[in-house]
Amino acid sequence: MAGGGGIGLSVRVVRDEIPEAIRDQQARVSALVRRAAFEIEARAKQLAPVRTGHLRNSIQTDVESNGLAAHVGTSVAYAAYVEFGTRRMAPRPYLAPAAEAVRADLARMAW
């Protein structure tokens, strides 16, 4: 530049809203995770084959303390055999289809 003149830029932060925006986004994501997880649980219970009702009743959701992750499943010993089958029994999936259905609806759930 001729004459040695330059353009200067000065930025002054009057109020830092970034931490508040981060907390707001984390709360929105946490609510979405919770909603999706409980929807998976509900759908899995609808899809689970019922003989005694034990498997269906055992499907539960556990949301982590930060709310950013959740686990949907069962502690019933034979649950995996029902979901994936064995060489003597055809699979009767209930968790994977429930999760897939909710995954497909996730964009709609987010807004």
N, C-alpha and C. Protein backbone atom coordinates (compact mmCIF):
# COMPACT_ATOMS: atom_id res chain seq x y z
N MET A 1 0.83 -1.18 0.00
CA MET A 1 0.00 0.00 0.00
C MET A 1 0.88 1.24 0.00
N ALA A 2 0.46 2.17 -0.76
CA ALA A 2 1.20 3.42 -0.84
C ALA A 2 1.01 4.23 0.43
N GLY A 3 2.04 4.85 0.88
CA GLY A 3 1.96 5.71 2.03
C GLY A 3 2.02 4.99 3.35
N GLY A 4 2.19 3.68 3.33
CA GLY A 4 2.35 2.93 4.55
C GLY A 4 1.08 2.78 5.36
N GLY A 5 -0.04 3.23 4.84
CA GLY A 5 -1.30 3.10 5.56
C GLY A 5 -1.83 1.67 5.45
N GLY A 6 -2.38 1.16 6.46
CA GLY A 6 -2.93 -0.19 6.43
C GLY A 6 -4.34 -0.18 6.99
N ILE A 7 -4.91 -1.29 6.89
CA ILE A 7 -6.26 -1.46 7.45
C ILE A 7 -6.12 -2.25 8.72
N GLY A 8 -6.71 -1.77 9.76
CA GLY A 8 -6.64 -2.45 11.04
C GLY A 8 -8.00 -3.02 11.41
N LEU A 9 -7.96 -4.03 12.19
CA LEU A 9 -9.20 -4.66 12.63
C LEU A 9 -9.10 -4.88 14.12
N SER A 10 -10.14 -4.49 14.80
CA SER A 10 -10.18 -4.66 16.23
C SER A 10 -11.48 -5.36 16.60
N VAL A 11 -11.40 -6.36 17.45
CA VAL A 11 -12.58 -7.09 17.89
C VAL A 11 -12.64 -7.01 19.40
N ARG A 12 -13.79 -6.64 19.89
CA ARG A 12 -13.98 -6.57 21.33
C ARG A 12 -15.19 -7.42 21.68
N VAL A 13 -14.99 -8.38 22.56
CA VAL A 13 -16.07 -9.26 22.99
C VAL A 13 -16.78 -8.59 24.14
N VAL A 14 -18.03 -8.26 23.90
CA VAL A 14 -18.82 -7.61 24.93
C VAL A 14 -19.44 -8.66 25.83
N ARG A 15 -19.93 -9.73 25.22
CA ARG A 15 -20.53 -10.82 26.00
C ARG A 15 -20.20 -12.12 25.30
N ASP A 16 -19.61 -13.03 26.02
CA ASP A 16 -19.24 -14.33 25.46
C ASP A 16 -20.42 -15.28 25.58
N GLU A 17 -21.09 -15.54 24.48
CA GLU A 17 -22.27 -16.42 24.47
C GLU A 17 -21.93 -17.85 24.04
N ILE A 18 -20.67 -18.11 23.78
CA ILE A 18 -20.29 -19.44 23.31
C ILE A 18 -20.57 -20.52 24.35
N PRO A 19 -20.17 -20.37 25.61
CA PRO A 19 -20.48 -21.42 26.59
C PRO A 19 -21.98 -21.69 26.72
N GLU A 20 -22.78 -20.65 26.67
CA GLU A 20 -24.23 -20.80 26.75
C GLU A 20 -24.76 -21.56 25.52
N ALA A 21 -24.23 -21.24 24.36
CA ALA A 21 -24.64 -21.92 23.13
C ALA A 21 -24.25 -23.40 23.17
N ILE A 22 -23.07 -23.69 23.70
CA ILE A 22 -22.62 -25.08 23.83
C ILE A 22 -23.54 -25.85 24.77
N ARG A 23 -23.87 -25.25 25.92
CA ARG A 23 -24.79 -25.91 26.87
C ARG A 23 -26.16 -26.14 26.23
N ASP A 24 -26.63 -25.18 25.46
CA ASP A 24 -27.92 -25.31 24.80
C ASP A 24 -27.89 -26.47 23.80
N GLN A 25 -26.84 -26.56 23.03
CA GLN A 25 -26.73 -27.64 22.05
C GLN A 25 -26.61 -29.00 22.74
N GLN A 26 -25.85 -29.07 23.82
CA GLN A 26 -25.73 -30.32 24.56
C GLN A 26 -27.09 -30.74 25.13
N ALA A 27 -27.86 -29.80 25.59
CA ALA A 27 -29.19 -30.11 26.13
C ALA A 27 -30.10 -30.62 25.02
N ARG A 28 -30.01 -30.02 23.83
CA ARG A 28 -30.83 -30.48 22.69
C ARG A 28 -30.42 -31.88 22.25
N VAL A 29 -29.12 -32.13 22.19
CA VAL A 29 -28.64 -33.46 21.80
C VAL A 29 -29.04 -34.49 22.86
N SER A 30 -28.90 -34.14 24.12
CA SER A 30 -29.28 -35.04 25.21
C SER A 30 -30.76 -35.40 25.13
N ALA A 31 -31.60 -34.43 24.86
CA ALA A 31 -33.03 -34.69 24.73
C ALA A 31 -33.31 -35.60 23.54
N LEU A 32 -32.59 -35.40 22.45
CA LEU A 32 -32.77 -36.24 21.26
C LEU A 32 -32.30 -37.67 21.52
N VAL A 33 -31.17 -37.83 22.20
CA VAL A 33 -30.66 -39.16 22.54
C VAL A 33 -31.67 -39.88 23.41
N ARG A 34 -32.18 -39.21 24.41
CA ARG A 34 -33.15 -39.80 25.34
C ARG A 34 -34.42 -40.21 24.58
N ARG A 35 -34.92 -39.32 23.76
CA ARG A 35 -36.14 -39.61 23.00
C ARG A 35 -35.94 -40.79 22.05
N ALA A 36 -34.81 -40.81 21.34
CA ALA A 36 -34.53 -41.90 20.40
C ALA A 36 -34.38 -43.22 21.14
N ALA A 37 -33.68 -43.21 22.27
CA ALA A 37 -33.46 -44.45 23.02
C ALA A 37 -34.78 -45.04 23.53
N PHE A 38 -35.63 -44.20 24.08
CA PHE A 38 -36.91 -44.71 24.58
C PHE A 38 -37.84 -45.14 23.45
N GLU A 39 -37.69 -44.52 22.29
CA GLU A 39 -38.46 -44.95 21.13
C GLU A 39 -37.98 -46.33 20.66
N ILE A 40 -36.66 -46.55 20.67
CA ILE A 40 -36.11 -47.86 20.33
C ILE A 40 -36.64 -48.91 21.30
N GLU A 41 -36.61 -48.58 22.59
CA GLU A 41 -37.12 -49.52 23.59
C GLU A 41 -38.58 -49.88 23.31
N ALA A 42 -39.41 -48.88 23.05
CA ALA A 42 -40.83 -49.13 22.81
C ALA A 42 -41.03 -50.01 21.57
N ARG A 43 -40.32 -49.70 20.50
CA ARG A 43 -40.46 -50.49 19.27
C ARG A 43 -39.94 -51.91 19.45
N ALA A 44 -38.84 -52.05 20.18
CA ALA A 44 -38.28 -53.39 20.42
C ALA A 44 -39.27 -54.23 21.22
N LYS A 45 -39.93 -53.62 22.17
CA LYS A 45 -40.93 -54.36 22.97
C LYS A 45 -42.11 -54.79 22.10
N GLN A 46 -42.47 -53.97 21.12
CA GLN A 46 -43.55 -54.35 20.21
C GLN A 46 -43.12 -55.50 19.30
N LEU A 47 -41.85 -55.51 18.91
CA LEU A 47 -41.35 -56.51 17.95
C LEU A 47 -40.88 -57.81 18.60
N ALA A 48 -40.57 -57.77 19.88
CA ALA A 48 -40.03 -58.95 20.56
C ALA A 48 -41.07 -60.08 20.56
N PRO A 49 -40.63 -61.29 20.19
CA PRO A 49 -41.56 -62.41 20.26
C PRO A 49 -41.91 -62.70 21.71
N VAL A 50 -43.14 -63.13 21.92
CA VAL A 50 -43.61 -63.35 23.29
C VAL A 50 -43.98 -64.81 23.48
N ARG A 51 -43.30 -65.41 24.41
CA ARG A 51 -43.68 -66.76 24.85
C ARG A 51 -44.14 -66.68 26.30
N THR A 52 -43.27 -66.12 27.12
CA THR A 52 -43.62 -65.92 28.53
C THR A 52 -43.73 -64.43 28.87
N GLY A 53 -43.20 -63.57 28.02
CA GLY A 53 -43.18 -62.14 28.28
C GLY A 53 -41.92 -61.68 28.98
N HIS A 54 -41.08 -62.63 29.39
CA HIS A 54 -39.85 -62.29 30.12
C HIS A 54 -38.91 -61.44 29.27
N LEU A 55 -38.70 -61.83 28.03
CA LEU A 55 -37.80 -61.08 27.15
C LEU A 55 -38.33 -59.66 26.94
N ARG A 56 -39.58 -59.54 26.58
CA ARG A 56 -40.18 -58.23 26.33
C ARG A 56 -40.07 -57.34 27.57
N ASN A 57 -40.38 -57.88 28.72
CA ASN A 57 -40.34 -57.09 29.96
C ASN A 57 -38.92 -56.71 30.38
N SER A 58 -37.94 -57.42 29.86
CA SER A 58 -36.56 -57.15 30.28
C SER A 58 -35.88 -56.06 29.45
N ILE A 59 -36.48 -55.64 28.36
CA ILE A 59 -35.87 -54.61 27.51
C ILE A 59 -35.94 -53.27 28.23
N GLN A 60 -34.75 -52.68 28.42
CA GLN A 60 -34.66 -51.44 29.19
C GLN A 60 -33.70 -50.45 28.54
N THR A 61 -33.85 -49.21 28.92
CA THR A 61 -32.99 -48.13 28.44
C THR A 61 -32.20 -47.57 29.61
N ASP A 62 -30.91 -47.38 29.38
CA ASP A 62 -30.04 -46.76 30.38
C ASP A 62 -29.38 -45.56 29.72
N VAL A 63 -29.70 -44.36 30.19
CA VAL A 63 -29.13 -43.14 29.65
C VAL A 63 -27.93 -42.76 30.50
N GLU A 64 -26.79 -42.51 29.86
CA GLU A 64 -25.59 -42.13 30.61
C GLU A 64 -25.80 -40.78 31.28
N SER A 65 -25.03 -40.54 32.33
CA SER A 65 -25.22 -39.35 33.17
C SER A 65 -25.09 -38.04 32.39
N ASN A 66 -24.24 -38.01 31.36
CA ASN A 66 -24.10 -36.78 30.58
C ASN A 66 -25.22 -36.62 29.56
N GLY A 67 -26.03 -37.67 29.40
CA GLY A 67 -27.16 -37.61 28.49
C GLY A 67 -26.82 -37.72 27.03
N LEU A 68 -25.55 -37.88 26.71
CA LEU A 68 -25.13 -37.90 25.32
C LEU A 68 -25.01 -39.30 24.75
N ALA A 69 -25.32 -40.32 25.55
CA ALA A 69 -25.30 -41.70 25.08
C ALA A 69 -26.33 -42.49 25.88
N ALA A 70 -26.86 -43.51 25.24
CA ALA A 70 -27.84 -44.37 25.90
C ALA A 70 -27.65 -45.79 25.39
N HIS A 71 -28.04 -46.75 26.20
CA HIS A 71 -27.95 -48.16 25.84
C HIS A 71 -29.34 -48.77 25.99
N VAL A 72 -29.78 -49.45 24.94
CA VAL A 72 -31.06 -50.14 24.98
C VAL A 72 -30.76 -51.61 24.82
N GLY A 73 -31.26 -52.42 25.73
CA GLY A 73 -30.98 -53.85 25.63
C GLY A 73 -31.64 -54.63 26.74
N THR A 74 -31.16 -55.83 26.89
CA THR A 74 -31.71 -56.75 27.88
C THR A 74 -30.59 -57.57 28.48
N SER A 75 -30.79 -58.05 29.67
CA SER A 75 -29.80 -58.90 30.31
C SER A 75 -30.23 -60.37 30.28
N VAL A 76 -31.33 -60.66 29.60
CA VAL A 76 -31.81 -62.04 29.50
C VAL A 76 -30.78 -62.86 28.70
N ALA A 77 -30.41 -63.99 29.25
CA ALA A 77 -29.34 -64.80 28.66
C ALA A 77 -29.64 -65.26 27.24
N TYR A 78 -30.87 -65.52 26.91
CA TYR A 78 -31.19 -66.06 25.58
C TYR A 78 -31.56 -64.98 24.55
N ALA A 79 -31.45 -63.71 24.93
CA ALA A 79 -31.86 -62.62 24.05
C ALA A 79 -31.10 -62.62 22.72
N ALA A 80 -29.82 -62.86 22.76
CA ALA A 80 -29.03 -62.87 21.52
C ALA A 80 -29.44 -64.02 20.61
N TYR A 81 -29.82 -65.15 21.19
CA TYR A 81 -30.27 -66.29 20.38
C TYR A 81 -31.56 -65.95 19.64
N VAL A 82 -32.43 -65.21 20.30
CA VAL A 82 -33.68 -64.80 19.66
C VAL A 82 -33.37 -63.80 18.54
N GLU A 83 -32.53 -62.83 18.83
CA GLU A 83 -32.20 -61.77 17.86
C GLU A 83 -31.47 -62.34 16.63
N PHE A 84 -30.48 -63.20 16.86
CA PHE A 84 -29.63 -63.66 15.77
C PHE A 84 -29.88 -65.09 15.33
N GLY A 85 -30.64 -65.84 16.11
CA GLY A 85 -30.92 -67.23 15.77
C GLY A 85 -29.78 -68.15 16.17
N THR A 86 -30.00 -69.43 15.95
CA THR A 86 -28.99 -70.45 16.18
C THR A 86 -29.04 -71.39 14.98
N ARG A 87 -28.24 -72.41 14.98
CA ARG A 87 -28.31 -73.33 13.85
C ARG A 87 -29.61 -74.12 13.86
N ARG A 88 -30.30 -74.12 14.98
CA ARG A 88 -31.58 -74.85 15.07
C ARG A 88 -32.80 -73.93 15.13
N MET A 89 -32.56 -72.64 15.23
CA MET A 89 -33.67 -71.70 15.38
C MET A 89 -33.44 -70.48 14.49
N ALA A 90 -34.43 -70.12 13.73
CA ALA A 90 -34.32 -68.94 12.86
C ALA A 90 -34.27 -67.68 13.73
N PRO A 91 -33.56 -66.67 13.26
CA PRO A 91 -33.52 -65.41 14.01
C PRO A 91 -34.90 -64.74 14.01
N ARG A 92 -35.19 -64.08 15.12
CA ARG A 92 -36.41 -63.28 15.24
C ARG A 92 -36.00 -61.91 15.78
N PRO A 93 -35.37 -61.12 14.90
CA PRO A 93 -34.82 -59.84 15.34
C PRO A 93 -35.89 -58.88 15.85
N TYR A 94 -35.54 -58.17 16.89
CA TYR A 94 -36.43 -57.18 17.49
C TYR A 94 -35.68 -55.90 17.83
N LEU A 95 -34.43 -56.01 18.29
CA LEU A 95 -33.66 -54.81 18.63
C LEU A 95 -33.12 -54.10 17.40
N ALA A 96 -32.49 -54.83 16.50
CA ALA A 96 -31.91 -54.20 15.31
C ALA A 96 -32.97 -53.51 14.46
N PRO A 97 -34.11 -54.15 14.18
CA PRO A 97 -35.13 -53.45 13.40
C PRO A 97 -35.68 -52.21 14.11
N ALA A 98 -35.80 -52.29 15.43
CA ALA A 98 -36.27 -51.12 16.18
C ALA A 98 -35.27 -49.97 16.07
N ALA A 99 -34.00 -50.27 16.23
CA ALA A 99 -32.96 -49.24 16.13
C ALA A 99 -32.90 -48.67 14.71
N GLU A 100 -33.04 -49.52 13.72
CA GLU A 100 -33.00 -49.06 12.33
C GLU A 100 -34.18 -48.15 12.02
N ALA A 101 -35.36 -48.49 12.51
CA ALA A 101 -36.54 -47.66 12.27
C ALA A 101 -36.37 -46.29 12.91
N VAL A 102 -35.82 -46.25 14.11
CA VAL A 102 -35.62 -44.97 14.79
C VAL A 102 -34.51 -44.19 14.11
N ARG A 103 -33.46 -44.87 13.68
CA ARG A 103 -32.38 -44.19 12.96
C ARG A 103 -32.93 -43.49 11.73
N ALA A 104 -33.83 -44.15 11.02
CA ALA A 104 -34.43 -43.58 9.82
C ALA A 104 -35.27 -42.35 10.17
N ASP A 105 -35.84 -42.31 11.36
CA ASP A 105 -36.68 -41.18 11.79
C ASP A 105 -35.90 -40.10 12.53
N LEU A 106 -34.61 -40.30 12.73
CA LEU A 106 -33.83 -39.40 13.56
C LEU A 106 -33.83 -37.95 13.07
N ALA A 107 -33.74 -37.76 11.77
CA ALA A 107 -33.74 -36.39 11.24
C ALA A 107 -35.06 -35.69 11.56
N ARG A 108 -36.16 -36.41 11.45
CA ARG A 108 -37.46 -35.85 11.77
C ARG A 108 -37.56 -35.54 13.26
N MET A 109 -37.00 -36.43 14.08
CA MET A 109 -37.05 -36.26 15.54
C MET A 109 -36.23 -35.04 15.98
N ALA A 110 -35.18 -34.74 15.24
CA ALA A 110 -34.28 -33.65 15.63
C ALA A 110 -34.95 -32.29 15.51
N TRP A 111 -35.96 -32.17 14.68
CA TRP A 111 -36.58 -30.87 14.49
C TRP A 111 -37.99 -30.94 14.92
